[in-house]
N, C-alpha and C. Protein backbone atom coordinates (compact mmCIF):
# COMPACT_ATOMS: atom_id res chain seq x y z
N MET A 1 42.49 -4.31 -0.88
CA MET A 1 41.71 -4.23 0.41
C MET A 1 40.65 -3.04 0.19
N GLN A 2 39.11 -4.10 0.04
CA GLN A 2 37.92 -2.49 -0.78
C GLN A 2 37.18 -1.80 0.45
N GLU A 3 37.34 -0.50 0.41
CA GLU A 3 36.65 0.39 0.98
C GLU A 3 35.19 0.43 1.16
N ALA A 4 34.96 0.00 2.18
CA ALA A 4 33.06 -0.15 2.53
C ALA A 4 32.56 0.98 1.63
N LYS A 5 31.68 0.84 1.58
CA LYS A 5 30.81 2.33 0.79
C LYS A 5 29.42 2.64 1.69
N SER A 6 29.84 3.81 2.12
CA SER A 6 28.57 3.96 3.62
C SER A 6 27.45 4.30 2.58
N LYS A 7 26.62 4.51 3.51
CA LYS A 7 24.86 4.82 2.84
C LYS A 7 24.56 6.37 3.61
N PRO A 8 23.90 7.33 2.78
CA PRO A 8 23.80 8.64 3.15
C PRO A 8 23.39 8.22 4.44
N GLU A 9 23.25 9.29 5.27
CA GLU A 9 22.68 9.42 6.75
C GLU A 9 21.21 9.16 6.65
N GLY A 10 20.82 8.16 7.61
CA GLY A 10 19.43 8.14 7.40
C GLY A 10 19.09 7.12 6.44
N ALA A 11 19.63 6.53 5.60
CA ALA A 11 18.95 5.76 4.08
C ALA A 11 19.00 4.49 5.40
N GLY A 12 19.29 3.57 6.52
CA GLY A 12 18.89 2.71 6.83
C GLY A 12 17.40 2.87 7.59
N ARG A 13 17.28 4.01 7.76
CA ARG A 13 15.96 4.10 8.57
C ARG A 13 15.08 3.98 7.33
N THR A 14 15.28 4.67 6.34
CA THR A 14 14.42 4.44 5.35
C THR A 14 13.95 3.51 4.82
N GLU A 15 14.92 2.77 4.65
CA GLU A 15 15.05 1.57 4.05
C GLU A 15 13.76 0.34 5.11
N SER A 16 14.36 0.36 5.87
CA SER A 16 13.60 -0.03 6.92
C SER A 16 12.25 0.60 7.13
N LEU A 17 11.72 1.42 7.22
CA LEU A 17 10.18 2.12 7.11
C LEU A 17 9.89 1.71 5.52
N GLU A 18 10.37 1.36 4.33
CA GLU A 18 10.04 0.87 3.71
C GLU A 18 9.69 -0.56 3.33
N ASN A 19 10.50 -1.20 4.29
CA ASN A 19 10.24 -2.45 4.28
C ASN A 19 9.94 -2.61 5.05
N ALA A 20 9.34 -2.59 6.14
CA ALA A 20 7.92 -2.58 7.27
C ALA A 20 6.43 -1.97 6.50
N LEU A 21 6.42 -1.07 5.47
CA LEU A 21 5.32 -0.76 5.00
C LEU A 21 5.07 -1.81 3.89
N THR A 22 5.99 -2.30 2.93
CA THR A 22 6.03 -3.38 2.52
C THR A 22 5.19 -4.84 3.17
N GLU A 23 5.56 -4.96 4.01
CA GLU A 23 4.88 -6.06 4.88
C GLU A 23 3.97 -6.37 5.04
N ARG A 24 3.49 -4.61 5.56
CA ARG A 24 2.19 -4.82 6.16
C ARG A 24 1.56 -4.67 4.82
N ILE A 25 1.78 -4.00 3.37
CA ILE A 25 0.78 -4.37 2.42
C ILE A 25 0.63 -5.37 1.95
N ILE A 26 1.57 -6.55 1.74
CA ILE A 26 1.63 -7.80 1.69
C ILE A 26 0.87 -8.43 2.92
N GLY A 27 1.18 -8.43 4.21
CA GLY A 27 0.10 -8.85 5.08
C GLY A 27 -1.68 -8.63 4.55
N ALA A 28 -1.68 -7.22 4.40
CA ALA A 28 -3.05 -7.02 4.06
C ALA A 28 -3.85 -7.42 2.42
N ALA A 29 -2.80 -7.67 1.89
CA ALA A 29 -3.19 -8.98 0.39
C ALA A 29 -3.50 -9.95 0.88
N ILE A 30 -2.37 -10.55 1.24
CA ILE A 30 -2.81 -11.91 1.81
C ILE A 30 -3.88 -12.48 2.32
N GLU A 31 -4.50 -11.69 3.76
CA GLU A 31 -5.43 -11.42 3.98
C GLU A 31 -6.96 -11.79 3.13
N VAL A 32 -6.57 -10.63 2.50
CA VAL A 32 -7.89 -10.38 1.24
C VAL A 32 -7.86 -11.77 1.02
N HIS A 33 -6.64 -12.41 0.23
CA HIS A 33 -6.48 -13.20 -0.99
C HIS A 33 -6.69 -14.50 -0.12
N ARG A 34 -6.85 -14.67 1.25
CA ARG A 34 -7.45 -15.38 2.10
C ARG A 34 -8.82 -15.85 2.33
N HIS A 35 -9.66 -14.76 2.40
CA HIS A 35 -10.77 -14.64 2.37
C HIS A 35 -11.31 -14.65 0.72
N LEU A 36 -10.94 -14.13 -0.41
CA LEU A 36 -11.51 -14.03 -1.54
C LEU A 36 -11.21 -14.90 -2.42
N GLY A 37 -9.84 -15.49 -2.32
CA GLY A 37 -9.19 -16.36 -3.54
C GLY A 37 -9.19 -15.67 -4.78
N PRO A 38 -8.85 -16.17 -5.78
CA PRO A 38 -8.65 -15.72 -6.96
C PRO A 38 -10.44 -15.83 -7.57
N GLY A 39 -10.09 -14.93 -8.97
CA GLY A 39 -11.38 -15.10 -9.77
C GLY A 39 -12.38 -13.42 -9.85
N LEU A 40 -11.66 -12.39 -8.84
CA LEU A 40 -12.87 -11.53 -8.92
C LEU A 40 -11.68 -9.98 -9.78
N LEU A 41 -12.53 -9.11 -9.92
CA LEU A 41 -12.36 -8.38 -10.70
C LEU A 41 -10.50 -7.39 -9.70
N GLU A 42 -10.20 -6.80 -10.32
CA GLU A 42 -9.34 -6.06 -9.78
C GLU A 42 -9.94 -4.76 -8.70
N SER A 43 -10.90 -4.10 -9.36
CA SER A 43 -11.53 -3.50 -8.23
C SER A 43 -11.69 -3.88 -6.91
N ALA A 44 -12.36 -5.41 -6.68
CA ALA A 44 -12.74 -5.74 -5.83
C ALA A 44 -11.76 -5.69 -4.67
N TYR A 45 -10.67 -6.33 -5.63
CA TYR A 45 -9.25 -6.54 -4.51
C TYR A 45 -8.79 -5.22 -4.35
N GLU A 46 -9.16 -4.20 -5.05
CA GLU A 46 -8.35 -3.02 -4.34
C GLU A 46 -9.41 -2.24 -3.19
N GLU A 47 -10.69 -2.56 -3.11
CA GLU A 47 -11.52 -2.09 -2.57
C GLU A 47 -11.01 -2.68 -1.55
N CYS A 48 -11.10 -4.36 -1.08
CA CYS A 48 -10.71 -5.19 0.01
C CYS A 48 -9.58 -4.98 0.05
N LEU A 49 -8.16 -4.57 -0.26
CA LEU A 49 -6.63 -4.18 0.34
C LEU A 49 -6.42 -3.06 0.90
N CYS A 50 -7.64 -1.88 0.40
CA CYS A 50 -7.68 -0.60 1.16
C CYS A 50 -8.63 -0.79 2.33
N PHE A 51 -9.76 -1.73 2.31
CA PHE A 51 -10.15 -1.87 3.82
C PHE A 51 -9.60 -2.29 5.14
N GLU A 52 -8.49 -3.39 4.23
CA GLU A 52 -7.36 -4.03 5.85
C GLU A 52 -6.48 -2.86 5.76
N LEU A 53 -5.58 -1.80 4.71
CA LEU A 53 -5.41 -0.69 5.07
C LEU A 53 -5.77 -0.03 6.24
N ARG A 54 -6.56 0.47 5.85
CA ARG A 54 -7.24 1.83 6.68
C ARG A 54 -7.94 0.92 8.35
N ARG A 55 -8.28 -0.52 8.16
CA ARG A 55 -8.25 -0.75 9.78
C ARG A 55 -7.05 -1.26 9.99
N SER A 56 -5.82 -1.13 9.71
CA SER A 56 -4.16 -1.55 10.37
C SER A 56 -3.52 0.24 10.18
N ALA A 57 -4.59 1.56 10.13
CA ALA A 57 -4.08 2.55 9.81
C ALA A 57 -2.84 2.70 9.29
N VAL A 58 -2.87 2.21 8.13
CA VAL A 58 -2.20 2.65 7.03
C VAL A 58 -2.43 3.19 5.74
N PRO A 59 -1.68 4.94 6.03
CA PRO A 59 -2.31 5.54 5.08
C PRO A 59 -1.90 5.23 3.56
N HIS A 60 -2.51 5.57 3.00
CA HIS A 60 -2.88 5.27 1.39
C HIS A 60 -3.70 6.15 0.44
N GLU A 61 -3.67 5.87 -0.51
CA GLU A 61 -4.32 6.96 -1.70
C GLU A 61 -4.61 5.74 -2.99
N ARG A 62 -5.81 6.11 -3.32
CA ARG A 62 -6.24 5.46 -4.67
C ARG A 62 -6.54 5.69 -5.62
N GLN A 63 -5.88 5.19 -6.70
CA GLN A 63 -6.21 5.92 -8.20
C GLN A 63 -5.55 6.97 -8.15
N VAL A 64 -4.36 7.26 -7.83
CA VAL A 64 -3.83 8.54 -8.19
C VAL A 64 -3.17 8.61 -9.22
N ALA A 65 -3.78 10.11 -9.74
CA ALA A 65 -3.00 10.37 -11.01
C ALA A 65 -1.71 10.92 -11.18
N LEU A 66 -1.01 10.58 -12.70
CA LEU A 66 0.44 10.78 -12.71
C LEU A 66 0.50 11.33 -13.72
N PRO A 67 0.83 12.36 -14.13
CA PRO A 67 1.16 13.01 -15.12
C PRO A 67 2.50 12.37 -16.23
N VAL A 68 2.25 13.09 -17.23
CA VAL A 68 3.34 12.62 -17.60
C VAL A 68 4.36 13.92 -18.04
N PHE A 69 5.30 14.54 -18.16
CA PHE A 69 6.71 15.44 -18.32
C PHE A 69 6.68 15.96 -19.70
N TYR A 70 6.08 16.37 -20.75
CA TYR A 70 6.39 16.49 -21.89
C TYR A 70 7.12 18.20 -22.24
N LYS A 71 8.01 18.21 -22.78
CA LYS A 71 8.83 19.64 -23.02
C LYS A 71 8.24 20.51 -22.19
N GLY A 72 8.48 20.21 -20.95
CA GLY A 72 8.30 20.78 -19.72
C GLY A 72 6.71 21.31 -18.65
N ASN A 73 5.85 20.59 -20.05
CA ASN A 73 4.27 20.69 -19.51
C ASN A 73 3.77 19.45 -19.09
N SER A 74 3.54 19.59 -17.49
CA SER A 74 2.62 18.16 -17.26
C SER A 74 1.53 18.01 -17.78
N LEU A 75 1.13 17.10 -18.71
CA LEU A 75 0.28 16.60 -19.21
C LEU A 75 -0.35 15.53 -18.63
N ASN A 76 -1.65 15.48 -18.28
CA ASN A 76 -2.68 14.30 -17.97
C ASN A 76 -3.00 13.49 -19.02
N CYS A 77 -2.43 12.28 -18.84
CA CYS A 77 -2.17 11.32 -20.24
C CYS A 77 -3.23 9.99 -19.35
N GLY A 78 -3.95 10.31 -18.40
CA GLY A 78 -4.66 9.80 -18.03
C GLY A 78 -4.01 7.92 -17.23
N TYR A 79 -2.62 8.38 -16.70
CA TYR A 79 -1.84 7.13 -16.01
C TYR A 79 -2.72 7.40 -14.65
N ARG A 80 -3.32 6.24 -13.97
CA ARG A 80 -3.45 6.27 -12.92
C ARG A 80 -2.60 4.86 -11.89
N MET A 81 -2.24 5.26 -11.19
CA MET A 81 -1.54 4.30 -9.82
C MET A 81 -2.32 3.87 -9.08
N ASP A 82 -2.84 2.30 -8.95
CA ASP A 82 -3.77 1.64 -8.06
C ASP A 82 -3.56 2.17 -6.91
N LEU A 83 -2.68 2.49 -5.70
CA LEU A 83 -2.68 2.79 -4.61
C LEU A 83 -1.05 3.62 -4.46
N VAL A 84 -0.79 4.36 -3.77
CA VAL A 84 0.38 4.52 -2.81
C VAL A 84 0.17 5.04 -1.63
N VAL A 85 0.52 3.80 -1.22
CA VAL A 85 0.70 3.00 0.29
C VAL A 85 2.34 4.45 1.01
N GLY A 86 1.03 4.85 2.11
CA GLY A 86 2.41 5.83 2.85
C GLY A 86 3.65 6.97 2.01
N LYS A 87 3.27 7.30 0.99
CA LYS A 87 3.61 8.30 0.01
C LYS A 87 5.27 7.62 -0.52
N ARG A 88 5.21 6.50 -0.82
CA ARG A 88 6.37 5.92 -0.66
C ARG A 88 6.74 4.66 -1.50
N VAL A 89 5.12 3.56 -1.15
CA VAL A 89 4.87 2.94 -2.28
C VAL A 89 3.88 2.25 -2.95
N ILE A 90 3.71 2.32 -4.38
CA ILE A 90 3.67 1.96 -5.41
C ILE A 90 2.47 0.43 -5.11
N VAL A 91 1.52 0.45 -5.35
CA VAL A 91 0.57 -0.83 -5.60
C VAL A 91 0.21 -0.97 -6.83
N GLU A 92 0.43 -1.83 -7.61
CA GLU A 92 -0.43 -2.20 -9.01
C GLU A 92 -1.18 -3.18 -8.86
N ILE A 93 -2.32 -2.96 -9.15
CA ILE A 93 -3.13 -4.85 -8.66
C ILE A 93 -3.59 -5.59 -10.15
N LYS A 94 -3.26 -6.96 -9.91
CA LYS A 94 -3.63 -7.22 -11.46
C LYS A 94 -4.98 -8.31 -10.97
N THR A 95 -5.18 -8.97 -12.35
CA THR A 95 -5.86 -10.22 -11.74
C THR A 95 -5.87 -10.63 -13.48
N VAL A 96 -4.53 -11.55 -13.60
CA VAL A 96 -4.36 -12.07 -14.71
C VAL A 96 -3.88 -13.21 -14.57
N GLU A 97 -3.92 -14.13 -15.74
CA GLU A 97 -3.29 -15.78 -15.81
C GLU A 97 -1.90 -15.82 -15.23
N GLY A 98 -1.17 -14.56 -15.85
CA GLY A 98 0.08 -14.91 -15.33
C GLY A 98 1.06 -13.37 -15.76
N THR A 99 1.61 -12.91 -14.77
CA THR A 99 2.44 -11.26 -14.79
C THR A 99 2.97 -11.35 -16.02
N LEU A 100 2.95 -9.94 -16.98
CA LEU A 100 3.83 -10.51 -18.37
C LEU A 100 4.80 -9.18 -17.81
N PRO A 101 5.80 -9.38 -19.06
CA PRO A 101 7.07 -8.03 -18.99
C PRO A 101 6.34 -6.97 -18.74
N VAL A 102 5.13 -6.54 -20.02
CA VAL A 102 4.79 -5.23 -19.80
C VAL A 102 3.89 -4.72 -18.65
N HIS A 103 3.67 -5.80 -17.64
CA HIS A 103 3.20 -5.08 -15.92
C HIS A 103 4.13 -4.88 -14.95
N THR A 104 5.55 -5.53 -15.58
CA THR A 104 6.59 -5.04 -14.87
C THR A 104 6.74 -3.56 -15.38
N ALA A 105 6.94 -3.60 -16.67
CA ALA A 105 7.54 -2.27 -17.27
C ALA A 105 6.24 -1.12 -16.67
N GLN A 106 5.29 -1.78 -16.54
CA GLN A 106 4.08 -0.42 -16.18
C GLN A 106 4.44 0.06 -14.90
N LEU A 107 4.74 -0.77 -14.02
CA LEU A 107 5.03 -0.14 -13.01
C LEU A 107 6.56 0.34 -12.41
N LEU A 108 7.14 -0.19 -13.23
CA LEU A 108 8.65 0.85 -13.58
C LEU A 108 8.47 2.09 -14.14
N THR A 109 7.58 2.36 -15.29
CA THR A 109 7.30 3.50 -15.37
C THR A 109 6.70 4.19 -14.51
N TYR A 110 6.03 3.32 -14.01
CA TYR A 110 5.37 5.05 -12.51
C TYR A 110 6.01 4.90 -11.55
N LEU A 111 7.00 4.12 -11.33
CA LEU A 111 8.18 4.26 -10.28
C LEU A 111 9.16 5.62 -10.58
N LYS A 112 9.69 5.83 -11.83
CA LYS A 112 10.35 6.60 -12.83
C LYS A 112 9.37 7.74 -12.75
N LEU A 113 8.32 8.04 -13.26
CA LEU A 113 7.80 8.96 -13.73
C LEU A 113 7.57 10.07 -11.75
N SER A 114 6.86 8.95 -11.16
CA SER A 114 6.98 9.53 -9.81
C SER A 114 7.74 9.34 -8.94
N GLY A 115 8.94 8.96 -8.97
CA GLY A 115 10.19 9.30 -8.18
C GLY A 115 9.95 8.32 -7.06
N LEU A 116 8.77 7.78 -6.58
CA LEU A 116 9.07 7.09 -5.64
C LEU A 116 9.43 5.55 -5.92
N PRO A 117 10.11 5.13 -4.61
CA PRO A 117 11.41 4.29 -3.96
C PRO A 117 10.92 2.74 -4.34
N ILE A 118 9.75 2.49 -3.92
CA ILE A 118 9.32 0.81 -3.94
C ILE A 118 8.04 0.88 -4.93
N GLY A 119 7.91 -0.48 -5.45
CA GLY A 119 6.38 -0.74 -6.53
C GLY A 119 6.01 -2.40 -5.68
N LEU A 120 5.16 -2.51 -5.52
CA LEU A 120 4.63 -3.81 -5.71
C LEU A 120 4.18 -4.39 -6.68
N LEU A 121 4.39 -5.53 -7.31
CA LEU A 121 2.79 -5.82 -8.29
C LEU A 121 2.18 -6.93 -7.55
N ILE A 122 0.83 -6.84 -7.79
CA ILE A 122 0.67 -8.06 -6.73
C ILE A 122 -0.66 -8.63 -7.87
N ASN A 123 -0.28 -9.72 -8.09
CA ASN A 123 -1.48 -10.47 -8.43
C ASN A 123 -2.47 -11.54 -8.27
N PHE A 124 -3.63 -10.96 -7.76
CA PHE A 124 -4.56 -11.93 -6.74
C PHE A 124 -5.15 -13.14 -8.03
N ASN A 125 -5.04 -13.15 -8.86
CA ASN A 125 -5.36 -14.39 -9.56
C ASN A 125 -4.60 -15.94 -9.72
N VAL A 126 -3.71 -16.19 -8.53
CA VAL A 126 -3.37 -17.23 -8.45
C VAL A 126 -3.58 -18.05 -7.13
N PRO A 127 -3.29 -19.09 -6.95
CA PRO A 127 -3.86 -20.10 -6.14
C PRO A 127 -3.08 -19.89 -4.62
N VAL A 128 -2.14 -19.31 -4.34
CA VAL A 128 -1.28 -19.38 -3.26
C VAL A 128 -0.61 -17.66 -3.79
N LEU A 129 -1.01 -16.84 -3.19
CA LEU A 129 -0.76 -15.59 -2.93
C LEU A 129 0.86 -14.77 -3.10
N LYS A 130 1.77 -15.87 -2.79
CA LYS A 130 3.07 -15.68 -2.69
C LYS A 130 3.14 -15.91 -4.23
N LYS A 131 3.25 -16.28 -4.96
CA LYS A 131 3.46 -16.90 -6.71
C LYS A 131 3.02 -15.81 -7.39
N GLY A 132 2.56 -14.82 -7.02
CA GLY A 132 1.66 -13.38 -7.76
C GLY A 132 2.46 -12.15 -6.94
N LEU A 133 3.13 -12.25 -6.28
CA LEU A 133 3.92 -11.04 -5.91
C LEU A 133 5.14 -10.76 -6.41
N LYS A 134 5.68 -9.35 -6.91
CA LYS A 134 7.00 -8.67 -6.81
C LYS A 134 6.64 -7.36 -6.82
N ARG A 135 8.33 -7.29 -6.19
CA ARG A 135 8.55 -5.95 -5.36
C ARG A 135 9.72 -5.47 -6.53
N ILE A 136 9.55 -4.30 -6.83
CA ILE A 136 10.51 -3.51 -7.47
C ILE A 136 11.52 -2.16 -6.98
N VAL A 137 12.60 -2.06 -6.44
CA VAL A 137 12.98 -1.39 -6.06
C VAL A 137 13.52 0.09 -7.12
N ASN A 138 13.00 1.29 -7.12
CA ASN A 138 13.29 2.31 -7.94
C ASN A 138 14.56 2.92 -7.29
N HIS A 139 16.01 2.70 -7.85
CA HIS A 139 17.14 2.93 -7.67
C HIS A 139 17.92 3.84 -8.58
N TYR A 140 16.69 4.39 -9.03
CA TYR A 140 17.03 5.43 -10.37
C TYR A 140 17.42 6.73 -9.47
N THR A 141 18.63 7.32 -9.82
CA THR A 141 19.00 8.22 -9.09
C THR A 141 18.72 9.81 -9.87
N GLY A 142 18.78 9.86 -11.00
CA GLY A 142 18.58 11.15 -11.75
C GLY A 142 17.32 11.48 -11.68
N SER A 143 16.78 12.91 -12.18
CA SER A 143 15.68 13.49 -12.01
C SER A 143 14.29 12.98 -12.30
N VAL A 144 13.93 13.25 -12.30
CA VAL A 144 12.09 12.59 -13.09
C VAL A 144 12.54 12.96 -14.59
N PRO A 145 12.19 12.19 -15.75
CA PRO A 145 12.32 12.55 -16.40
C PRO A 145 11.31 14.31 -16.63
N THR A 146 11.59 15.14 -17.35
CA THR A 146 10.43 16.03 -17.49
C THR A 146 10.45 16.72 -19.02
N GLU A 147 11.60 16.31 -20.00
CA GLU A 147 11.18 17.71 -20.79
C GLU A 147 11.81 16.40 -22.18
N GLY A 148 10.87 16.49 -23.13
CA GLY A 148 11.39 15.54 -24.19
C GLY A 148 11.73 13.66 -24.00
N VAL A 149 11.61 13.28 -22.65
CA VAL A 149 12.19 12.38 -22.57
C VAL A 149 10.71 11.65 -21.52
N SER A 150 10.34 10.32 -22.12
CA SER A 150 8.55 10.00 -20.88
C SER A 150 9.86 8.44 -20.67
N ALA A 151 9.16 8.16 -19.31
CA ALA A 151 9.88 6.71 -18.94
C ALA A 151 9.66 5.74 -19.63
N THR A 152 8.65 5.58 -20.29
CA THR A 152 8.44 4.40 -21.64
C THR A 152 10.05 4.56 -22.70
N SER A 153 10.23 5.70 -22.68
CA SER A 153 11.24 5.47 -23.71
C SER A 153 12.68 5.51 -23.00
N VAL A 154 12.79 6.05 -21.76
CA VAL A 154 14.09 5.45 -21.12
C VAL A 154 14.18 4.57 -20.63
N LEU A 155 13.23 3.64 -20.65
CA LEU A 155 13.05 2.10 -20.32
C LEU A 155 13.11 0.97 -22.04
N SER A 156 12.93 1.73 -22.75
CA SER A 156 12.84 0.93 -24.33
C SER A 156 14.05 0.26 -24.34
N GLY A 157 14.29 -0.68 -24.60
CA GLY A 157 15.59 -1.84 -24.86
C GLY A 157 16.73 -1.96 -23.50
N VAL A 158 15.99 -1.52 -22.43
CA VAL A 158 16.30 -1.88 -21.34
C VAL A 158 16.62 -3.37 -20.61
N ASP A 159 17.49 -4.07 -20.34
CA ASP A 159 17.45 -5.20 -19.51
C ASP A 159 17.15 -5.22 -18.50
N LEU A 160 15.84 -5.35 -17.96
CA LEU A 160 15.41 -4.68 -16.32
C LEU A 160 16.18 -5.59 -15.27
N GLN A 161 16.53 -6.93 -15.54
CA GLN A 161 17.34 -7.66 -14.52
C GLN A 161 18.62 -7.01 -14.42
N LYS A 162 19.37 -6.34 -14.89
CA LYS A 162 20.64 -6.36 -15.12
C LYS A 162 21.35 -4.44 -14.76
N THR A 163 20.04 -3.87 -14.72
CA THR A 163 20.14 -2.32 -14.94
C THR A 163 20.23 -2.37 -13.38
N PRO A 164 21.81 -1.32 -13.15
CA PRO A 164 21.96 -1.12 -11.59
C PRO A 164 20.87 -0.22 -10.75
N ARG A 165 20.15 0.60 -11.58
CA ARG A 165 19.48 1.18 -11.04
C ARG A 165 17.45 1.11 -11.03
N LEU A 166 17.54 -0.03 -11.41
CA LEU A 166 16.26 -1.21 -10.76
C LEU A 166 16.35 -2.22 -10.28
N ARG A 167 16.10 -3.12 -9.57
CA ARG A 167 16.20 -4.11 -9.00
C ARG A 167 14.48 -4.81 -8.79
N VAL A 168 14.38 -5.62 -9.62
CA VAL A 168 13.07 -6.43 -9.72
C VAL A 168 13.29 -7.87 -8.38
N SER A 169 12.37 -7.71 -7.34
CA SER A 169 13.24 -9.23 -6.97
C SER A 169 11.75 -9.99 -6.58
N ALA A 170 11.68 -11.32 -6.27
CA ALA A 170 10.53 -11.83 -5.66
C ALA A 170 10.74 -11.46 -4.54
N VAL A 171 9.17 -11.65 -3.73
CA VAL A 171 8.91 -11.86 -2.34
C VAL A 171 8.79 -12.90 -1.96
N ASN A 172 9.19 -12.96 -0.48
CA ASN A 172 9.05 -14.24 -0.13
C ASN A 172 7.84 -13.98 1.25
N PRO A 173 7.40 -14.15 1.43
CA PRO A 173 6.21 -13.53 2.28
C PRO A 173 6.55 -14.45 3.28
N GLU A 174 7.03 -15.92 3.50
CA GLU A 174 7.38 -17.04 4.78
C GLU A 174 8.21 -15.82 5.25
N ALA A 175 9.09 -15.00 5.02
CA ALA A 175 10.08 -14.71 5.61
C ALA A 175 9.46 -13.07 6.50
N LEU A 176 8.19 -12.82 6.28
CA LEU A 176 7.76 -11.78 7.51
C LEU A 176 6.92 -11.82 8.39
């Protein structure tokens, strides 16, 4: 008989909060996509998504600087997260023909460097937005890399679909 693993106290509440937050972000993104459709620049979708989040009183920050820790030093290497919502979710906005593994790797790197738990990759350049959504859960339990290690080097050679710490999943907005 297998013993059930218990979650840390408050873990269910945190997951519920994160799920509610991602649902609100996805709902706002769908609203933007309904009104604008595909074909605009990332900056236009970012501005409109922020407008929808403000209307819904969802706290968020735009273009958040993300330092790289190298040999014990925090270095500004020019990385910027498009949006950080509720201090829990990174939103990376794209307007590309199709997302590539490099786009997923970018978001995974941001999750590792920031230590935030959830990321949404949203590609607005699709006919139906649900085909442009990817939700990534950061199950990384170690400390954020700080000395001599970059998140990119941690990810090199990692099969992102098989690692137990990172889970990439498709989002089904119809279930919202």
